[in-house]
Amino acid sequence: MITVSRTTRLAPARAGAADAVRELLTRHAAASRAEPGCLQFDAHQGIDNPDEFALVERYESPAAFAEHRRTPHFRRNVETELVGLLTARSWTVFGPALRRRPLTCSPSAIEIDLDS
């Protein structure tokens, strides 16, 4: 499983485009969630800066993420419509940090077993 964290910012010249981006992301999230390898797709809008959006996506595998990027809805929604509204777009891909044993937390210590 992989997790993809994305952050996007609207272009200043596109003031008032936040509503259009929110609608586009709503449509895109619904199509993405229907993909067989997509486990989660959530869009968030900045509270302090409503021209900033963040996406949190989880896929079964790197191959499922690659397939997501080849879908017609990704090409239309992201590569054609969304990109023109943004000044910046970045993403980070994460894999699981804990493979076998869950994180153990106590008031005095946190243990992470990375060797198991």
PDB file of N, CA and C in Angstrom:
ATOM      1  N   MET A   1       0.846  -1.175   0.000  1.00  0.00           N
ATOM      2  CA  MET A   1       0.000   0.000   0.000  1.00  0.00           C
ATOM      3  C   MET A   1       0.891   1.238   0.000  1.00  0.00           C
ATOM      4  N   ILE A   2       0.442   2.278  -0.696  1.00  0.00           N
ATOM      5  CA  ILE A   2       1.137   3.562  -0.669  1.00  0.00           C
ATOM      6  C   ILE A   2       0.138   4.663  -0.363  1.00  0.00           C
ATOM      7  N   THR A   3       0.634   5.753   0.203  1.00  0.00           N
ATOM      8  CA  THR A   3      -0.176   6.934   0.461  1.00  0.00           C
ATOM      9  C   THR A   3       0.457   8.089  -0.287  1.00  0.00           C
ATOM     10  N   VAL A   4      -0.370   8.869  -0.957  1.00  0.00           N
ATOM     11  CA  VAL A   4       0.081  10.024  -1.715  1.00  0.00           C
ATOM     12  C   VAL A   4      -0.499  11.260  -1.056  1.00  0.00           C
ATOM     13  N   SER A   5       0.350  12.209  -0.722  1.00  0.00           N
ATOM     14  CA  SER A   5      -0.081  13.482  -0.154  1.00  0.00           C
ATOM     15  C   SER A   5       0.200  14.567  -1.179  1.00  0.00           C
ATOM     16  N   ARG A   6      -0.817  15.311  -1.561  1.00  0.00           N
ATOM     17  CA  ARG A   6      -0.664  16.371  -2.559  1.00  0.00           C
ATOM     18  C   ARG A   6      -1.081  17.705  -1.964  1.00  0.00           C
ATOM     19  N   THR A   7      -0.398  18.754  -2.373  1.00  0.00           N
ATOM     20  CA  THR A   7      -0.780  20.113  -2.009  1.00  0.00           C
ATOM     21  C   THR A   7      -0.839  20.925  -3.284  1.00  0.00           C
ATOM     22  N   THR A   8      -1.881  21.724  -3.439  1.00  0.00           N
ATOM     23  CA  THR A   8      -2.026  22.568  -4.619  1.00  0.00           C
ATOM     24  C   THR A   8      -2.383  23.989  -4.195  1.00  0.00           C
ATOM     25  N   ARG A   9      -1.991  24.954  -4.989  1.00  0.00           N
ATOM     26  CA  ARG A   9      -2.351  26.353  -4.738  1.00  0.00           C
ATOM     27  C   ARG A   9      -2.937  26.942  -6.018  1.00  0.00           C
ATOM     28  N   LEU A  10      -3.995  27.730  -5.855  1.00  0.00           N
ATOM     29  CA  LEU A  10      -4.611  28.376  -7.003  1.00  0.00           C
ATOM     30  C   LEU A  10      -3.777  29.559  -7.463  1.00  0.00           C
ATOM     31  N   ALA A  11      -3.791  29.799  -8.746  1.00  0.00           N
ATOM     32  CA  ALA A  11      -3.086  30.950  -9.308  1.00  0.00           C
ATOM     33  C   ALA A  11      -3.772  32.231  -8.839  1.00  0.00           C
ATOM     34  N   PRO A  12      -2.993  33.246  -8.414  1.00  0.00           N
ATOM     35  CA  PRO A  12      -3.599  34.505  -7.971  1.00  0.00           C
ATOM     36  C   PRO A  12      -4.454  35.151  -9.058  1.00  0.00           C
ATOM     37  N   ALA A  13      -4.098  34.961 -10.306  1.00  0.00           N
ATOM     38  CA  ALA A  13      -4.880  35.548 -11.399  1.00  0.00           C
ATOM     39  C   ALA A  13      -6.250  34.903 -11.515  1.00  0.00           C
ATOM     40  N   ARG A  14      -6.440  33.788 -10.860  1.00  0.00           N
ATOM     41  CA  ARG A  14      -7.704  33.069 -10.923  1.00  0.00           C
ATOM     42  C   ARG A  14      -8.510  33.272  -9.645  1.00  0.00           C
ATOM     43  N   ALA A  15      -8.491  34.486  -9.124  1.00  0.00           N
ATOM     44  CA  ALA A  15      -9.260  34.781  -7.910  1.00  0.00           C
ATOM     45  C   ALA A  15     -10.708  34.366  -8.133  1.00  0.00           C
ATOM     46  N   GLY A  16     -11.274  33.729  -7.147  1.00  0.00           N
ATOM     47  CA  GLY A  16     -12.647  33.267  -7.256  1.00  0.00           C
ATOM     48  C   GLY A  16     -12.782  31.893  -7.886  1.00  0.00           C
ATOM     49  N   ALA A  17     -11.664  31.264  -8.236  1.00  0.00           N
ATOM     50  CA  ALA A  17     -11.715  29.949  -8.872  1.00  0.00           C
ATOM     51  C   ALA A  17     -11.851  28.812  -7.858  1.00  0.00           C
ATOM     52  N   ALA A  18     -11.818  29.127  -6.586  1.00  0.00           N
ATOM     53  CA  ALA A  18     -11.866  28.079  -5.562  1.00  0.00           C
ATOM     54  C   ALA A  18     -13.136  27.240  -5.690  1.00  0.00           C
ATOM     55  N   ASP A  19     -14.259  27.852  -5.994  1.00  0.00           N
ATOM     56  CA  ASP A  19     -15.504  27.093  -6.147  1.00  0.00           C
ATOM     57  C   ASP A  19     -15.400  26.108  -7.302  1.00  0.00           C
ATOM     58  N   ALA A  20     -14.816  26.547  -8.406  1.00  0.00           N
ATOM     59  CA  ALA A  20     -14.659  25.667  -9.565  1.00  0.00           C
ATOM     60  C   ALA A  20     -13.721  24.516  -9.237  1.00  0.00           C
ATOM     61  N   VAL A  21     -12.636  24.792  -8.511  1.00  0.00           N
ATOM     62  CA  VAL A  21     -11.695  23.740  -8.131  1.00  0.00           C
ATOM     63  C   VAL A  21     -12.369  22.749  -7.191  1.00  0.00           C
ATOM     64  N   ARG A  22     -13.151  23.250  -6.239  1.00  0.00           N
ATOM     65  CA  ARG A  22     -13.846  22.363  -5.301  1.00  0.00           C
ATOM     66  C   ARG A  22     -14.805  21.434  -6.056  1.00  0.00           C
ATOM     67  N   GLU A  23     -15.543  21.973  -7.024  1.00  0.00           N
ATOM     68  CA  GLU A  23     -16.457  21.145  -7.819  1.00  0.00           C
ATOM     69  C   GLU A  23     -15.688  20.117  -8.647  1.00  0.00           C
ATOM     70  N   LEU A  24     -14.588  20.542  -9.249  1.00  0.00           N
ATOM     71  CA  LEU A  24     -13.769  19.635 -10.045  1.00  0.00           C
ATOM     72  C   LEU A  24     -13.217  18.516  -9.168  1.00  0.00           C
ATOM     73  N   LEU A  25     -12.713  18.861  -7.976  1.00  0.00           N
ATOM     74  CA  LEU A  25     -12.159  17.842  -7.080  1.00  0.00           C
ATOM     75  C   LEU A  25     -13.241  16.901  -6.559  1.00  0.00           C
ATOM     76  N   THR A  26     -14.446  17.403  -6.380  1.00  0.00           N
ATOM     77  CA  THR A  26     -15.566  16.542  -5.965  1.00  0.00           C
ATOM     78  C   THR A  26     -15.829  15.493  -7.036  1.00  0.00           C
ATOM     79  N   ARG A  27     -15.876  15.923  -8.281  1.00  0.00           N
ATOM     80  CA  ARG A  27     -16.089  15.014  -9.409  1.00  0.00           C
ATOM     81  C   ARG A  27     -14.922  14.023  -9.538  1.00  0.00           C
ATOM     82  N   HIS A  28     -13.715  14.547  -9.417  1.00  0.00           N
ATOM     83  CA  HIS A  28     -12.525  13.708  -9.561  1.00  0.00           C
ATOM     84  C   HIS A  28     -12.421  12.688  -8.423  1.00  0.00           C
ATOM     85  N   ALA A  29     -12.725  13.096  -7.209  1.00  0.00           N
ATOM     86  CA  ALA A  29     -12.661  12.181  -6.065  1.00  0.00           C
ATOM     87  C   ALA A  29     -13.637  11.025  -6.249  1.00  0.00           C
ATOM     88  N   ALA A  30     -14.852  11.312  -6.714  1.00  0.00           N
ATOM     89  CA  ALA A  30     -15.841  10.250  -6.908  1.00  0.00           C
ATOM     90  C   ALA A  30     -15.358   9.241  -7.953  1.00  0.00           C
ATOM     91  N   ALA A  31     -14.810   9.727  -9.052  1.00  0.00           N
ATOM     92  CA  ALA A  31     -14.306   8.828 -10.095  1.00  0.00           C
ATOM     93  C   ALA A  31     -13.098   8.036  -9.584  1.00  0.00           C
ATOM     94  N   SER A  32     -12.222   8.683  -8.827  1.00  0.00           N
ATOM     95  CA  SER A  32     -11.024   8.018  -8.320  1.00  0.00           C
ATOM     96  C   SER A  32     -11.381   6.932  -7.312  1.00  0.00           C
ATOM     97  N   ARG A  33     -12.340   7.210  -6.438  1.00  0.00           N
ATOM     98  CA  ARG A  33     -12.749   6.217  -5.435  1.00  0.00           C
ATOM     99  C   ARG A  33     -13.323   4.962  -6.082  1.00  0.00           C
ATOM    100  N   ALA A  34     -13.839   5.084  -7.292  1.00  0.00           N
ATOM    101  CA  ALA A  34     -14.421   3.932  -7.994  1.00  0.00           C
ATOM    102  C   ALA A  34     -13.351   3.034  -8.624  1.00  0.00           C
ATOM    103  N   GLU A  35     -12.118   3.480  -8.662  1.00  0.00           N
ATOM    104  CA  GLU A  35     -11.041   2.667  -9.221  1.00  0.00           C
ATOM    105  C   GLU A  35     -10.775   1.465  -8.323  1.00  0.00           C
ATOM    106  N   PRO A  36     -10.503   0.296  -8.923  1.00  0.00           N
ATOM    107  CA  PRO A  36     -10.299  -0.896  -8.099  1.00  0.00           C
ATOM    108  C   PRO A  36      -9.140  -0.804  -7.114  1.00  0.00           C
ATOM    109  N   GLY A  37      -8.055  -0.090  -7.430  1.00  0.00           N
ATOM    110  CA  GLY A  37      -6.899  -0.025  -6.542  1.00  0.00           C
ATOM    111  C   GLY A  37      -6.893   1.153  -5.589  1.00  0.00           C
ATOM    112  N   CYS A  38      -7.924   1.991  -5.635  1.00  0.00           N
ATOM    113  CA  CYS A  38      -7.979   3.178  -4.773  1.00  0.00           C
ATOM    114  C   CYS A  38      -8.643   2.827  -3.442  1.00  0.00           C
ATOM    115  N   LEU A  39      -7.931   3.050  -2.345  1.00  0.00           N
ATOM    116  CA  LEU A  39      -8.450   2.771  -1.005  1.00  0.00           C
ATOM    117  C   LEU A  39      -9.028   4.014  -0.342  1.00  0.00           C
ATOM    118  N   GLN A  40      -8.537   5.201  -0.726  1.00  0.00           N
ATOM    119  CA  GLN A  40      -8.988   6.461  -0.119  1.00  0.00           C
ATOM    120  C   GLN A  40      -8.659   7.591  -1.075  1.00  0.00           C
ATOM    121  N   PHE A  41      -9.567   8.549  -1.170  1.00  0.00           N
ATOM    122  CA  PHE A  41      -9.299   9.762  -1.938  1.00  0.00           C
ATOM    123  C   PHE A  41     -10.099  10.885  -1.292  1.00  0.00           C
ATOM    124  N   ASP A  42      -9.426  11.758  -0.560  1.00  0.00           N
ATOM    125  CA  ASP A  42     -10.082  12.855   0.152  1.00  0.00           C
ATOM    126  C   ASP A  42      -9.478  14.176  -0.266  1.00  0.00           C
ATOM    127  N   ALA A  43     -10.338  15.159  -0.501  1.00  0.00           N
ATOM    128  CA  ALA A  43      -9.897  16.508  -0.837  1.00  0.00           C
ATOM    129  C   ALA A  43     -10.233  17.426   0.334  1.00  0.00           C
ATOM    130  N   HIS A  44      -9.302  18.313   0.666  1.00  0.00           N
ATOM    131  CA  HIS A  44      -9.487  19.256   1.768  1.00  0.00           C
ATOM    132  C   HIS A  44      -9.183  20.662   1.269  1.00  0.00           C
ATOM    133  N   GLN A  45      -9.931  21.644   1.780  1.00  0.00           N
ATOM    134  CA  GLN A  45      -9.717  23.042   1.411  1.00  0.00           C
ATOM    135  C   GLN A  45      -9.202  23.795   2.625  1.00  0.00           C
ATOM    136  N   GLY A  46      -8.230  24.690   2.394  1.00  0.00           N
ATOM    137  CA  GLY A  46      -7.645  25.452   3.488  1.00  0.00           C
ATOM    138  C   GLY A  46      -8.668  26.287   4.238  1.00  0.00           C
ATOM    139  N   ILE A  47      -8.601  26.259   5.533  1.00  0.00           N
ATOM    140  CA  ILE A  47      -9.489  27.075   6.368  1.00  0.00           C
ATOM    141  C   ILE A  47      -8.985  28.509   6.396  1.00  0.00           C
ATOM    142  N   ASP A  48      -7.684  28.689   6.624  1.00  0.00           N
ATOM    143  CA  ASP A  48      -7.105  30.032   6.643  1.00  0.00           C
ATOM    144  C   ASP A  48      -6.890  30.585   5.243  1.00  0.00           C
ATOM    145  N   ASN A  49      -6.657  29.714   4.279  1.00  0.00           N
ATOM    146  CA  ASN A  49      -6.435  30.126   2.892  1.00  0.00           C
ATOM    147  C   ASN A  49      -7.289  29.240   1.984  1.00  0.00           C
ATOM    148  N   PRO A  50      -8.494  29.686   1.622  1.00  0.00           N
ATOM    149  CA  PRO A  50      -9.384  28.853   0.816  1.00  0.00           C
ATOM    150  C   PRO A  50      -8.902  28.632  -0.617  1.00  0.00           C
ATOM    151  N   ASP A  51      -7.807  29.275  -1.013  1.00  0.00           N
ATOM    152  CA  ASP A  51      -7.225  29.018  -2.334  1.00  0.00           C
ATOM    153  C   ASP A  51      -6.202  27.884  -2.287  1.00  0.00           C
ATOM    154  N   GLU A  52      -6.101  27.212  -1.158  1.00  0.00           N
ATOM    155  CA  GLU A  52      -5.174  26.099  -1.008  1.00  0.00           C
ATOM    156  C   GLU A  52      -5.977  24.819  -0.795  1.00  0.00           C
ATOM    157  N   PHE A  53      -5.584  23.774  -1.495  1.00  0.00           N
ATOM    158  CA  PHE A  53      -6.250  22.484  -1.389  1.00  0.00           C
ATOM    159  C   PHE A  53      -5.210  21.406  -1.104  1.00  0.00           C
ATOM    160  N   ALA A  54      -5.625  20.386  -0.388  1.00  0.00           N
ATOM    161  CA  ALA A  54      -4.756  19.234  -0.128  1.00  0.00           C
ATOM    162  C   ALA A  54      -5.542  17.971  -0.454  1.00  0.00           C
ATOM    163  N   LEU A  55      -4.866  17.012  -1.035  1.00  0.00           N
ATOM    164  CA  LEU A  55      -5.464  15.722  -1.344  1.00  0.00           C
ATOM    165  C   LEU A  55      -4.717  14.651  -0.575  1.00  0.00           C
ATOM    166  N   VAL A  56      -5.453  13.701  -0.038  1.00  0.00           N
ATOM    167  CA  VAL A  56      -4.864  12.534   0.604  1.00  0.00           C
ATOM    168  C   VAL A  56      -5.414  11.323  -0.134  1.00  0.00           C
ATOM    169  N   GLU A  57      -4.517  10.556  -0.722  1.00  0.00           N
ATOM    170  CA  GLU A  57      -4.908   9.411  -1.528  1.00  0.00           C
ATOM    171  C   GLU A  57      -4.167   8.177  -1.046  1.00  0.00           C
ATOM    172  N   ARG A  58      -4.845   7.035  -1.012  1.00  0.00           N
ATOM    173  CA  ARG A  58      -4.204   5.760  -0.677  1.00  0.00           C
ATOM    174  C   ARG A  58      -4.550   4.750  -1.755  1.00  0.00           C
ATOM    175  N   TYR A  59      -3.544   4.004  -2.174  1.00  0.00           N
ATOM    176  CA  TYR A  59      -3.699   2.991  -3.214  1.00  0.00           C
ATOM    177  C   TYR A  59      -3.142   1.666  -2.730  1.00  0.00           C
ATOM    178  N   GLU A  60      -3.651   0.578  -3.285  1.00  0.00           N
ATOM    179  CA  GLU A  60      -3.184  -0.748  -2.896  1.00  0.00           C
ATOM    180  C   GLU A  60      -1.707  -0.954  -3.193  1.00  0.00           C
ATOM    181  N   SER A  61      -1.204  -0.291  -4.249  1.00  0.00           N
ATOM    182  CA  SER A  61       0.174  -0.532  -4.664  1.00  0.00           C
ATOM    183  C   SER A  61       0.654   0.623  -5.533  1.00  0.00           C
ATOM    184  N   PRO A  62       1.960   0.718  -5.754  1.00  0.00           N
ATOM    185  CA  PRO A  62       2.462   1.712  -6.700  1.00  0.00           C
ATOM    186  C   PRO A  62       1.858   1.532  -8.094  1.00  0.00           C
ATOM    187  N   ALA A  63       1.598   0.293  -8.494  1.00  0.00           N
ATOM    188  CA  ALA A  63       0.988   0.043  -9.806  1.00  0.00           C
ATOM    189  C   ALA A  63      -0.428   0.623  -9.872  1.00  0.00           C
ATOM    190  N   ALA A  64      -1.176   0.529  -8.778  1.00  0.00           N
ATOM    191  CA  ALA A  64      -2.530   1.098  -8.754  1.00  0.00           C
ATOM    192  C   ALA A  64      -2.469   2.624  -8.862  1.00  0.00           C
ATOM    193  N   PHE A  65      -1.477   3.239  -8.235  1.00  0.00           N
ATOM    194  CA  PHE A  65      -1.304   4.692  -8.350  1.00  0.00           C
ATOM    195  C   PHE A  65      -0.940   5.067  -9.784  1.00  0.00           C
ATOM    196  N   ALA A  66      -0.042   4.300 -10.394  1.00  0.00           N
ATOM    197  CA  ALA A  66       0.336   4.562 -11.783  1.00  0.00           C
ATOM    198  C   ALA A  66      -0.874   4.419 -12.699  1.00  0.00           C
ATOM    199  N   GLU A  67      -1.704   3.424 -12.439  1.00  0.00           N
ATOM    200  CA  GLU A  67      -2.912   3.230 -13.250  1.00  0.00           C
ATOM    201  C   GLU A  67      -3.874   4.409 -13.064  1.00  0.00           C
ATOM    202  N   HIS A  68      -3.996   4.907 -11.850  1.00  0.00           N
ATOM    203  CA  HIS A  68      -4.840   6.078 -11.578  1.00  0.00           C
ATOM    204  C   HIS A  68      -4.427   7.246 -12.474  1.00  0.00           C
ATOM    205  N   ARG A  69      -3.132   7.444 -12.612  1.00  0.00           N
ATOM    206  CA  ARG A  69      -2.633   8.573 -13.412  1.00  0.00           C
ATOM    207  C   ARG A  69      -2.851   8.390 -14.910  1.00  0.00           C
ATOM    208  N   ARG A  70      -3.207   7.177 -15.325  1.00  0.00           N
ATOM    209  CA  ARG A  70      -3.492   6.926 -16.743  1.00  0.00           C
ATOM    210  C   ARG A  70      -4.979   6.952 -17.071  1.00  0.00           C
ATOM    211  N   THR A  71      -5.837   7.117 -16.069  1.00  0.00           N
ATOM    212  CA  THR A  71      -7.283   7.073 -16.328  1.00  0.00           C
ATOM    213  C   THR A  71      -7.740   8.304 -17.104  1.00  0.00           C
ATOM    214  N   PRO A  72      -8.820   8.165 -17.875  1.00  0.00           N
ATOM    215  CA  PRO A  72      -9.365   9.323 -18.600  1.00  0.00           C
ATOM    216  C   PRO A  72      -9.776  10.461 -17.669  1.00  0.00           C
ATOM    217  N   HIS A  73     -10.341  10.131 -16.496  1.00  0.00           N
ATOM    218  CA  HIS A  73     -10.758  11.221 -15.600  1.00  0.00           C
ATOM    219  C   HIS A  73      -9.554  11.970 -15.036  1.00  0.00           C
ATOM    220  N   PHE A  74      -8.422  11.294 -14.767  1.00  0.00           N
ATOM    221  CA  PHE A  74      -7.225  12.001 -14.310  1.00  0.00           C
ATOM    222  C   PHE A  74      -6.722  12.939 -15.403  1.00  0.00           C
ATOM    223  N   ARG A  75      -6.648  12.433 -16.603  1.00  0.00           N
ATOM    224  CA  ARG A  75      -6.141  13.268 -17.711  1.00  0.00           C
ATOM    225  C   ARG A  75      -7.038  14.468 -17.970  1.00  0.00           C
ATOM    226  N   ARG A  76      -8.348  14.272 -17.903  1.00  0.00           N
ATOM    227  CA  ARG A  76      -9.271  15.380 -18.133  1.00  0.00           C
ATOM    228  C   ARG A  76      -9.288  16.345 -16.934  1.00  0.00           C
ATOM    229  N   ASN A  77      -9.536  15.805 -15.744  1.00  0.00           N
ATOM    230  CA  ASN A  77      -9.721  16.661 -14.572  1.00  0.00           C
ATOM    231  C   ASN A  77      -8.443  17.338 -14.113  1.00  0.00           C
ATOM    232  N   VAL A  78      -7.355  16.587 -14.056  1.00  0.00           N
ATOM    233  CA  VAL A  78      -6.110  17.115 -13.502  1.00  0.00           C
ATOM    234  C   VAL A  78      -5.234  17.733 -14.583  1.00  0.00           C
ATOM    235  N   GLU A  79      -4.881  16.950 -15.587  1.00  0.00           N
ATOM    236  CA  GLU A  79      -3.917  17.423 -16.582  1.00  0.00           C
ATOM    237  C   GLU A  79      -4.487  18.483 -17.519  1.00  0.00           C
ATOM    238  N   THR A  80      -5.789  18.493 -17.722  1.00  0.00           N
ATOM    239  CA  THR A  80      -6.384  19.469 -18.640  1.00  0.00           C
ATOM    240  C   THR A  80      -7.014  20.651 -17.904  1.00  0.00           C
ATOM    241  N   GLU A  81      -7.895  20.372 -16.941  1.00  0.00           N
ATOM    242  CA  GLU A  81      -8.657  21.447 -16.294  1.00  0.00           C
ATOM    243  C   GLU A  81      -7.960  22.066 -15.082  1.00  0.00           C
ATOM    244  N   LEU A  82      -7.491  21.245 -14.160  1.00  0.00           N
ATOM    245  CA  LEU A  82      -6.974  21.748 -12.886  1.00  0.00           C
ATOM    246  C   LEU A  82      -5.638  22.474 -13.025  1.00  0.00           C
ATOM    247  N   VAL A  83      -4.739  21.943 -13.816  1.00  0.00           N
ATOM    248  CA  VAL A  83      -3.381  22.490 -13.908  1.00  0.00           C
ATOM    249  C   VAL A  83      -3.386  23.976 -14.267  1.00  0.00           C
ATOM    250  N   GLY A  84      -4.287  24.400 -15.121  1.00  0.00           N
ATOM    251  CA  GLY A  84      -4.340  25.804 -15.513  1.00  0.00           C
ATOM    252  C   GLY A  84      -4.778  26.746 -14.411  1.00  0.00           C
ATOM    253  N   LEU A  85      -5.332  26.211 -13.343  1.00  0.00           N
ATOM    254  CA  LEU A  85      -5.809  27.041 -12.233  1.00  0.00           C
ATOM    255  C   LEU A  85      -4.791  27.155 -11.098  1.00  0.00           C
ATOM    256  N   LEU A  86      -3.663  26.478 -11.210  1.00  0.00           N
ATOM    257  CA  LEU A  86      -2.732  26.373 -10.086  1.00  0.00           C
ATOM    258  C   LEU A  86      -1.452  27.159 -10.308  1.00  0.00           C
ATOM    259  N   THR A  87      -0.886  27.652  -9.208  1.00  0.00           N
ATOM    260  CA  THR A  87       0.452  28.238  -9.260  1.00  0.00           C
ATOM    261  C   THR A  87       1.482  27.212  -8.832  1.00  0.00           C
ATOM    262  N   ALA A  88       1.077  26.233  -8.054  1.00  0.00           N
ATOM    263  CA  ALA A  88       2.014  25.226  -7.572  1.00  0.00           C
ATOM    264  C   ALA A  88       1.281  23.919  -7.362  1.00  0.00           C
ATOM    265  N   ARG A  89       2.001  22.849  -7.575  1.00  0.00           N
ATOM    266  CA  ARG A  89       1.448  21.522  -7.336  1.00  0.00           C
ATOM    267  C   ARG A  89       2.612  20.633  -6.930  1.00  0.00           C
ATOM    268  N   SER A  90       2.460  19.926  -5.829  1.00  0.00           N
ATOM    269  CA  SER A  90       3.517  19.020  -5.388  1.00  0.00           C
ATOM    270  C   SER A  90       2.873  17.787  -4.787  1.00  0.00           C
ATOM    271  N   TRP A  91       3.649  16.733  -4.704  1.00  0.00           N
ATOM    272  CA  TRP A  91       3.162  15.529  -4.043  1.00  0.00           C
ATOM    273  C   TRP A  91       4.308  14.786  -3.407  1.00  0.00           C
ATOM    274  N   THR A  92       3.965  13.983  -2.438  1.00  0.00           N
ATOM    275  CA  THR A  92       4.908  13.115  -1.758  1.00  0.00           C
ATOM    276  C   THR A  92       4.256  11.747  -1.656  1.00  0.00           C
ATOM    277  N   VAL A  93       5.007  10.710  -1.954  1.00  0.00           N
ATOM    278  CA  VAL A  93       4.488   9.350  -1.870  1.00  0.00           C
ATOM    279  C   VAL A  93       5.102   8.691  -0.636  1.00  0.00           C
ATOM    280  N   PHE A  94       4.248   8.078   0.183  1.00  0.00           N
ATOM    281  CA  PHE A  94       4.678   7.418   1.412  1.00  0.00           C
ATOM    282  C   PHE A  94       4.350   5.935   1.336  1.00  0.00           C
ATOM    283  N   GLY A  95       5.188   5.121   1.943  1.00  0.00           N
ATOM    284  CA  GLY A  95       4.912   3.697   2.119  1.00  0.00           C
ATOM    285  C   GLY A  95       4.763   3.427   3.603  1.00  0.00           C
ATOM    286  N   PRO A  96       4.345   2.227   3.960  1.00  0.00           N
ATOM    287  CA  PRO A  96       4.149   1.927   5.381  1.00  0.00           C
ATOM    288  C   PRO A  96       5.472   1.963   6.151  1.00  0.00           C
ATOM    289  N   ALA A  97       5.461   2.597   7.302  1.00  0.00           N
ATOM    290  CA  ALA A  97       6.644   2.661   8.154  1.00  0.00           C
ATOM    291  C   ALA A  97       6.706   1.459   9.084  1.00  0.00           C
ATOM    292  N   LEU A  98       5.562   0.960   9.447  1.00  0.00           N
ATOM    293  CA  LEU A  98       5.483  -0.162  10.373  1.00  0.00           C
ATOM    294  C   LEU A  98       4.914  -1.352   9.624  1.00  0.00           C
ATOM    295  N   ARG A  99       5.674  -2.411   9.561  1.00  0.00           N
ATOM    296  CA  ARG A  99       5.249  -3.534   8.732  1.00  0.00           C
ATOM    297  C   ARG A  99       4.551  -4.647   9.527  1.00  0.00           C
ATOM    298  N   ARG A 100       5.007  -4.923  10.725  1.00  0.00           N
ATOM    299  CA  ARG A 100       4.436  -6.077  11.430  1.00  0.00           C
ATOM    300  C   ARG A 100       3.771  -5.723  12.742  1.00  0.00           C
ATOM    301  N   ARG A 101       4.480  -4.981  13.549  1.00  0.00           N
ATOM    302  CA  ARG A 101       3.963  -4.667  14.860  1.00  0.00           C
ATOM    303  C   ARG A 101       3.479  -3.231  14.882  1.00  0.00           C
ATOM    304  N   PRO A 102       2.317  -2.961  15.446  1.00  0.00           N
ATOM    305  CA  PRO A 102       1.821  -1.581  15.480  1.00  0.00           C
ATOM    306  C   PRO A 102       2.631  -0.701  16.420  1.00  0.00           C
ATOM    307  N   LEU A 103       2.513   0.577  16.235  1.00  0.00           N
ATOM    308  CA  LEU A 103       3.142   1.566  17.100  1.00  0.00           C
ATOM    309  C   LEU A 103       2.588   1.413  18.511  1.00  0.00           C
ATOM    310  N   THR A 104       3.474   1.398  19.501  1.00  0.00           N
ATOM    311  CA  THR A 104       3.065   1.293  20.891  1.00  0.00           C
ATOM    312  C   THR A 104       3.287   2.647  21.550  1.00  0.00           C
ATOM    313  N   CYS A 105       2.253   3.209  22.114  1.00  0.00           N
ATOM    314  CA  CYS A 105       2.356   4.529  22.761  1.00  0.00           C
ATOM    315  C   CYS A 105       2.028   4.410  24.239  1.00  0.00           C
ATOM    316  N   SER A 106       2.775   5.127  25.040  1.00  0.00           N
ATOM    317  CA  SER A 106       2.476   5.248  26.462  1.00  0.00           C
ATOM    318  C   SER A 106       2.755   6.694  26.846  1.00  0.00           C
ATOM    319  N   PRO A 107       2.279   7.136  28.005  1.00  0.00           N
ATOM    320  CA  PRO A 107       2.520   8.521  28.395  1.00  0.00           C
ATOM    321  C   PRO A 107       3.998   8.878  28.498  1.00  0.00           C
ATOM    322  N   SER A 108       4.858   7.887  28.754  1.00  0.00           N
ATOM    323  CA  SER A 108       6.262   8.213  28.970  1.00  0.00           C
ATOM    324  C   SER A 108       7.171   7.846  27.793  1.00  0.00           C
ATOM    325  N   ALA A 109       6.701   7.049  26.846  1.00  0.00           N
ATOM    326  CA  ALA A 109       7.607   6.620  25.768  1.00  0.00           C
ATOM    327  C   ALA A 109       6.828   6.182  24.542  1.00  0.00           C
ATOM    328  N   ILE A 110       7.499   6.275  23.418  1.00  0.00           N
ATOM    329  CA  ILE A 110       6.956   5.751  22.170  1.00  0.00           C
ATOM    330  C   ILE A 110       7.985   4.785  21.618  1.00  0.00           C
ATOM    331  N   GLU A 111       7.561   3.578  21.297  1.00  0.00           N
ATOM    332  CA  GLU A 111       8.433   2.574  20.725  1.00  0.00           C
ATOM    333  C   GLU A 111       8.021   2.299  19.293  1.00  0.00           C
ATOM    334  N   ILE A 112       8.972   2.245  18.409  1.00  0.00           N
ATOM    335  CA  ILE A 112       8.717   1.860  17.038  1.00  0.00           C
ATOM    336  C   ILE A 112       9.658   0.715  16.715  1.00  0.00           C
ATOM    337  N   ASP A 113       9.099  -0.433  16.406  1.00  0.00           N
ATOM    338  CA  ASP A 113       9.903  -1.612  16.098  1.00  0.00           C
ATOM    339  C   ASP A 113      10.031  -1.715  14.588  1.00  0.00           C
ATOM    340  N   LEU A 114      11.178  -1.304  14.049  1.00  0.00           N
ATOM    341  CA  LEU A 114      11.397  -1.318  12.612  1.00  0.00           C
ATOM    342  C   LEU A 114      12.119  -2.585  12.174  1.00  0.00           C
ATOM    343  N   ASP A 115      12.580  -3.391  13.087  1.00  0.00           N
ATOM    344  CA  ASP A 115      13.342  -4.573  12.733  1.00  0.00           C
ATOM    345  C   ASP A 115      12.470  -5.800  12.506  1.00  0.00           C
ATOM    346  N   SER A 116      11.238  -5.781  12.938  1.00  0.00           N
ATOM    347  CA  SER A 116      10.369  -6.963  12.811  1.00  0.00           C
ATOM    348  C   SER A 116       9.869  -7.118  11.407  1.00  0.00           C
TER     349      SER A 116
END
